[in-house]
């Protein structure tokens, strides 16, 4: 017969939680942020034909995601196209000289 006994004190539990917070929670947060950013990217791309007249496929492809990491918990959805801000907010764009 196998007899197994495991004794953990509060200090052992706190030490394990510190490891969990330090290593695993930031990873899980980064994964959740990235999943949310990619979902937002898909939604923005899906709504673009309703908001703009798209004559070429590269404008939706310009919607990009900056991924979060364990060390930098910031994810962002942005456009690589310089002209999209004026298209969204309105205004006049000066001609190229």
Protein backbone atom coordinates (compact mmCIF):
# COMPACT_ATOMS: atom_id res chain seq x y z
CA UNK A 1 0.00 0.00 0.00
CA UNK A 2 1.20 3.50 -0.84
CA UNK A 3 0.94 6.18 1.82
CA UNK A 4 1.37 9.74 0.55
CA UNK A 5 1.42 12.74 2.81
CA UNK A 6 1.79 16.33 1.65
CA UNK A 7 2.24 19.14 4.12
CA UNK A 8 2.18 22.69 2.84
CA UNK A 9 2.30 25.70 5.09
CA UNK A 10 1.10 29.16 4.20
CA UNK A 11 4.68 30.21 3.36
CA UNK A 12 4.92 27.43 0.76
CA UNK A 13 1.59 28.45 -0.73
CA UNK A 14 2.57 32.13 -0.87
CA UNK A 15 5.88 31.22 -2.49
CA UNK A 16 4.04 29.29 -5.18
CA UNK A 17 1.57 32.13 -5.73
CA UNK A 18 4.44 34.57 -6.14
CA UNK A 19 5.87 32.31 -8.83
CA UNK A 20 2.45 32.09 -10.42
CA UNK A 21 2.03 35.85 -10.43
CA UNK A 22 5.55 36.49 -11.65
CA UNK A 23 5.57 33.98 -14.50
CA UNK A 24 2.16 32.68 -15.45
CA UNK A 25 -0.27 35.54 -14.92
CA UNK A 26 1.60 37.99 -17.21
CA UNK A 27 1.77 35.29 -19.89
CA UNK A 28 -1.97 34.63 -19.61
CA UNK A 29 -2.71 38.37 -19.71
CA UNK A 30 -0.56 38.81 -22.82
CA UNK A 31 -2.35 35.92 -24.52
CA UNK A 32 -5.75 37.40 -23.64
CA UNK A 33 -4.73 40.86 -24.86
CA UNK A 34 -3.43 39.44 -28.14
CA UNK A 35 -6.58 37.40 -28.70
CA UNK A 36 -8.69 40.50 -28.07
CA UNK A 37 -6.55 42.63 -30.40
CA UNK A 38 -6.79 40.08 -33.22
CA UNK A 39 -10.57 39.87 -32.72
CA UNK A 40 -10.75 43.67 -32.93
CA UNK A 41 -8.62 43.59 -36.09
CA UNK A 42 -11.01 41.10 -37.72
CA UNK A 43 -14.00 43.25 -36.74
CA UNK A 44 -12.46 46.47 -38.06
CA UNK A 45 -11.57 44.77 -41.33
CA UNK A 46 -15.08 43.32 -41.62
CA UNK A 47 -16.71 46.74 -41.09
CA UNK A 48 -14.48 48.65 -43.51
CA UNK A 49 -16.59 47.96 -46.64
CA UNK A 50 -19.62 49.46 -44.86
CA UNK A 51 -17.73 52.63 -43.92
CA UNK A 52 -15.48 53.21 -46.94
CA UNK A 53 -15.45 52.68 -50.67
CA UNK A 54 -12.69 50.09 -51.03
CA UNK A 55 -11.37 49.81 -54.55
CA UNK A 56 -8.29 47.78 -53.68
CA UNK A 57 -7.69 45.06 -51.06
CA UNK A 58 -4.64 46.63 -49.46
CA UNK A 59 -6.49 49.12 -47.25
CA UNK A 60 -8.02 46.42 -45.00
CA UNK A 61 -4.67 44.67 -44.96
CA UNK A 62 -3.19 47.85 -43.48
CA UNK A 63 -5.05 47.28 -40.20
CA UNK A 64 -2.35 45.69 -38.06
CA UNK A 65 -1.87 44.38 -34.53
CA UNK A 66 0.97 45.24 -32.18
CA UNK A 67 1.21 42.22 -29.91
CA UNK A 68 1.58 42.26 -26.13
CA UNK A 69 4.31 40.33 -24.34
CA UNK A 70 4.94 39.23 -20.77
CA UNK A 71 7.15 42.26 -20.22
CA UNK A 72 4.99 44.77 -22.11
CA UNK A 73 1.29 44.17 -21.49
CA UNK A 74 0.15 46.50 -24.26
CA UNK A 75 -1.60 45.35 -27.40
CA UNK A 76 -2.72 47.77 -30.06
CA UNK A 77 -4.69 47.79 -33.27
CA UNK A 78 -3.54 50.41 -35.74
CA UNK A 79 -3.39 51.24 -39.42
CA UNK A 80 -0.19 51.37 -41.41
CA UNK A 81 -1.81 53.62 -44.03
CA UNK A 82 -1.13 57.32 -43.56
CA UNK A 83 -4.37 58.42 -45.24
CA UNK A 84 -6.84 56.49 -43.05
CA UNK A 85 -6.98 59.01 -40.20
CA UNK A 86 -8.29 61.71 -42.55
CA UNK A 87 -10.73 59.22 -44.06
CA UNK A 88 -12.14 58.33 -40.65
CA UNK A 89 -12.28 61.76 -39.02
CA UNK A 90 -12.85 63.91 -42.08
CA UNK A 91 -11.04 66.99 -43.21
CA UNK A 92 -8.96 68.00 -46.18
CA UNK A 93 -5.75 66.43 -47.23
CA UNK A 94 -3.18 68.71 -48.84
CA UNK A 95 -1.97 67.67 -52.27
CA UNK A 96 1.48 66.19 -52.68
CA UNK A 97 3.92 68.67 -54.18
